[in-house]
Amino acid sequence: QVQLVESGGGLVQAGGSLRLSCTASGSIFSINFMGWYRQAPGKQRELVAIVSSGGIADYVDSVKGRFTISRDNAKNTVYLQMNSLKPEDTAVYYCNALYLGMDYWGKGTLVTVST
């Protein structure tokens, strides 16, 4: 079983930066993929960024060049560095892990970007 706990959300002005962290715990040897999703009110949850155990990353087009996903396998932690934040980035951000063919989710952390 995998438990995911996010941290780092908060209120930031447009153009600012924020770093989200997610730590996985449980009986884990290695996690195949870890990623970040987000969901704004009234909208569908979307994949923001994902990174493989080998460090290969992919991003949704709207955040390319602004967000960076990384992971520390020794700590079972994934990070999302968010720069040049825009009001449209406002959402609840969820950590996700794919491990042995099963999806695990954190409770989410709220990111609010003000104008």
C-alpha atoms as a PDB file:
ATOM      1  CA  GLN A   1       0.000   0.000   0.000  1.00  0.00           C
ATOM      2  CA  VAL A   2       1.111   3.527  -0.805  1.00  0.00           C
ATOM      3  CA  GLN A   3       0.189   6.672   1.084  1.00  0.00           C
ATOM      4  CA  LEU A   4       0.835  10.080  -0.478  1.00  0.00           C
ATOM      5  CA  VAL A   5       1.047  13.359   1.407  1.00  0.00           C
ATOM      6  CA  GLU A   6       1.318  16.705  -0.382  1.00  0.00           C
ATOM      7  CA  SER A   7       2.587  19.991   0.957  1.00  0.00           C
ATOM      8  CA  GLY A   8       3.551  23.433  -0.298  1.00  0.00           C
ATOM      9  CA  GLY A   9       0.274  24.869  -1.506  1.00  0.00           C
ATOM     10  CA  GLY A  10      -0.800  28.375  -0.656  1.00  0.00           C
ATOM     11  CA  LEU A  11      -1.557  31.853  -1.917  1.00  0.00           C
ATOM     12  CA  VAL A  12       0.843  33.551  -4.301  1.00  0.00           C
ATOM     13  CA  GLN A  13       0.698  36.570  -6.578  1.00  0.00           C
ATOM     14  CA  ALA A  14       0.762  36.214 -10.340  1.00  0.00           C
ATOM     15  CA  GLY A  15       4.326  35.884 -11.553  1.00  0.00           C
ATOM     16  CA  GLY A  16       5.457  34.298  -8.327  1.00  0.00           C
ATOM     17  CA  SER A  17       6.755  30.831  -7.569  1.00  0.00           C
ATOM     18  CA  LEU A  18       5.762  27.908  -5.428  1.00  0.00           C
ATOM     19  CA  ARG A  19       7.153  24.429  -4.850  1.00  0.00           C
ATOM     20  CA  LEU A  20       4.933  21.468  -4.108  1.00  0.00           C
ATOM     21  CA  SER A  21       6.211  18.314  -2.455  1.00  0.00           C
ATOM     22  CA  CYS A  22       4.721  14.860  -2.206  1.00  0.00           C
ATOM     23  CA  THR A  23       6.165  12.063  -0.132  1.00  0.00           C
ATOM     24  CA  ALA A  24       5.142   8.436  -0.541  1.00  0.00           C
ATOM     25  CA  SER A  25       5.219   5.997   2.321  1.00  0.00           C
ATOM     26  CA  GLY A  26       4.383   2.347   2.788  1.00  0.00           C
ATOM     27  CA  SER A  27       5.852  -0.942   1.666  1.00  0.00           C
ATOM     28  CA  ILE A  28       7.524   0.475  -1.412  1.00  0.00           C
ATOM     29  CA  PHE A  29      10.567  -0.662  -3.311  1.00  0.00           C
ATOM     30  CA  SER A  30      10.234   1.723  -6.246  1.00  0.00           C
ATOM     31  CA  ILE A  31       7.400   3.669  -7.866  1.00  0.00           C
ATOM     32  CA  ASN A  32       7.085   3.472 -11.633  1.00  0.00           C
ATOM     33  CA  PHE A  33       5.552   6.900 -12.226  1.00  0.00           C
ATOM     34  CA  MET A  34       4.813   9.876 -10.033  1.00  0.00           C
ATOM     35  CA  GLY A  35       2.940  12.929 -11.159  1.00  0.00           C
ATOM     36  CA  TRP A  36       0.861  15.953 -10.385  1.00  0.00           C
ATOM     37  CA  TYR A  37      -2.727  16.556 -11.415  1.00  0.00           C
ATOM     38  CA  ARG A  38      -4.860  19.599 -10.793  1.00  0.00           C
ATOM     39  CA  GLN A  39      -8.544  20.363 -10.680  1.00  0.00           C
ATOM     40  CA  ALA A  40     -10.106  23.809 -10.750  1.00  0.00           C
ATOM     41  CA  PRO A  41     -13.715  24.392  -9.655  1.00  0.00           C
ATOM     42  CA  GLY A  42     -16.140  23.220 -12.310  1.00  0.00           C
ATOM     43  CA  LYS A  43     -13.400  21.709 -14.446  1.00  0.00           C
ATOM     44  CA  GLN A  44     -12.068  18.240 -15.075  1.00  0.00           C
ATOM     45  CA  ARG A  45      -8.973  16.974 -13.362  1.00  0.00           C
ATOM     46  CA  GLU A  46      -6.004  17.205 -15.701  1.00  0.00           C
ATOM     47  CA  LEU A  47      -2.496  15.851 -15.729  1.00  0.00           C
ATOM     48  CA  VAL A  48       0.032  18.611 -15.118  1.00  0.00           C
ATOM     49  CA  ALA A  49       3.318  16.732 -15.077  1.00  0.00           C
ATOM     50  CA  ILE A  50       4.604  13.195 -14.741  1.00  0.00           C
ATOM     51  CA  VAL A  51       8.023  11.688 -14.195  1.00  0.00           C
ATOM     52  CA  SER A  52       9.206   8.098 -14.544  1.00  0.00           C
ATOM     53  CA  SER A  53      11.484   6.244 -12.178  1.00  0.00           C
ATOM     54  CA  GLY A  54      14.281   6.977 -14.643  1.00  0.00           C
ATOM     55  CA  GLY A  55      13.658  10.715 -14.521  1.00  0.00           C
ATOM     56  CA  ILE A  56      11.888  11.167 -17.860  1.00  0.00           C
ATOM     57  CA  ALA A  57       9.333  13.955 -17.543  1.00  0.00           C
ATOM     58  CA  ASP A  58       6.370  15.202 -19.531  1.00  0.00           C
ATOM     59  CA  TYR A  59       4.081  18.198 -19.081  1.00  0.00           C
ATOM     60  CA  VAL A  60       0.781  19.563 -20.199  1.00  0.00           C
ATOM     61  CA  ASP A  61       1.352  22.249 -22.829  1.00  0.00           C
ATOM     62  CA  SER A  62       0.056  25.076 -20.664  1.00  0.00           C
ATOM     63  CA  VAL A  63       2.854  24.693 -18.092  1.00  0.00           C
ATOM     64  CA  LYS A  64       5.802  23.845 -20.324  1.00  0.00           C
ATOM     65  CA  GLY A  65       8.687  26.184 -19.654  1.00  0.00           C
ATOM     66  CA  ARG A  66       7.213  27.288 -16.331  1.00  0.00           C
ATOM     67  CA  PHE A  67       6.889  24.122 -14.233  1.00  0.00           C
ATOM     68  CA  THR A  68       9.519  21.516 -13.467  1.00  0.00           C
ATOM     69  CA  ILE A  69       8.820  18.095 -12.021  1.00  0.00           C
ATOM     70  CA  SER A  70      11.552  16.147 -10.277  1.00  0.00           C
ATOM     71  CA  ARG A  71      11.863  13.222  -7.923  1.00  0.00           C
ATOM     72  CA  ASP A  72      14.160  11.953  -5.227  1.00  0.00           C
ATOM     73  CA  ASN A  73      13.898   8.184  -5.301  1.00  0.00           C
ATOM     74  CA  ALA A  74      15.835   7.757  -2.072  1.00  0.00           C
ATOM     75  CA  LYS A  75      13.215   9.846  -0.276  1.00  0.00           C
ATOM     76  CA  ASN A  76      10.246   8.618  -2.340  1.00  0.00           C
ATOM     77  CA  THR A  77       9.412  12.250  -2.950  1.00  0.00           C
ATOM     78  CA  VAL A  78       8.257  14.106  -6.032  1.00  0.00           C
ATOM     79  CA  TYR A  79       8.406  17.880  -6.419  1.00  0.00           C
ATOM     80  CA  LEU A  80       6.709  20.393  -8.654  1.00  0.00           C
ATOM     81  CA  GLN A  81       8.530  23.688  -9.001  1.00  0.00           C
ATOM     82  CA  MET A  82       6.059  26.239 -10.331  1.00  0.00           C
ATOM     83  CA  ASN A  83       7.393  29.513 -11.702  1.00  0.00           C
ATOM     84  CA  SER A  84       5.712  32.438 -13.453  1.00  0.00           C
ATOM     85  CA  LEU A  85       2.399  31.439 -11.951  1.00  0.00           C
ATOM     86  CA  LYS A  86      -0.793  32.645 -13.573  1.00  0.00           C
ATOM     87  CA  PRO A  87      -4.309  32.994 -12.146  1.00  0.00           C
ATOM     88  CA  GLU A  88      -5.418  30.128 -14.374  1.00  0.00           C
ATOM     89  CA  ASP A  89      -3.035  27.861 -12.456  1.00  0.00           C
ATOM     90  CA  THR A  90      -5.347  28.156  -9.457  1.00  0.00           C
ATOM     91  CA  ALA A  91      -6.527  24.673  -8.552  1.00  0.00           C
ATOM     92  CA  VAL A  92      -6.260  21.851  -6.093  1.00  0.00           C
ATOM     93  CA  TYR A  93      -3.108  19.951  -6.957  1.00  0.00           C
ATOM     94  CA  TYR A  94      -3.045  16.203  -6.385  1.00  0.00           C
ATOM     95  CA  CYS A  95      -0.064  13.928  -6.160  1.00  0.00           C
ATOM     96  CA  ASN A  96      -0.380  10.647  -8.027  1.00  0.00           C
ATOM     97  CA  ALA A  97       1.681   7.482  -8.066  1.00  0.00           C
ATOM     98  CA  LEU A  98       1.501   4.441 -10.304  1.00  0.00           C
ATOM     99  CA  TYR A  99       2.892   1.444  -8.477  1.00  0.00           C
ATOM    100  CA  LEU A 100       2.546  -2.185  -9.519  1.00  0.00           C
ATOM    101  CA  GLY A 101      -0.303  -1.302 -11.842  1.00  0.00           C
ATOM    102  CA  MET A 102      -2.346   0.607  -9.253  1.00  0.00           C
ATOM    103  CA  ASP A 103      -3.063   4.329  -8.925  1.00  0.00           C
ATOM    104  CA  TYR A 104      -2.646   6.119  -5.612  1.00  0.00           C
ATOM    105  CA  TRP A 105      -3.717   9.657  -4.783  1.00  0.00           C
ATOM    106  CA  GLY A 106      -2.954  12.253  -2.186  1.00  0.00           C
ATOM    107  CA  LYS A 107      -5.598  14.419  -0.554  1.00  0.00           C
ATOM    108  CA  GLY A 108      -4.582  17.490  -2.548  1.00  0.00           C
ATOM    109  CA  THR A 109      -3.134  20.893  -1.769  1.00  0.00           C
ATOM    110  CA  LEU A 110      -4.719  24.179  -2.823  1.00  0.00           C
ATOM    111  CA  VAL A 111      -2.782  26.640  -4.957  1.00  0.00           C
ATOM    112  CA  THR A 112      -4.315  30.084  -5.365  1.00  0.00           C
ATOM    113  CA  VAL A 113      -2.741  32.623  -7.703  1.00  0.00           C
ATOM    114  CA  SER A 114      -3.999  36.166  -7.291  1.00  0.00           C
ATOM    115  CA  THR A 115      -3.986  38.932  -9.888  1.00  0.00           C
END
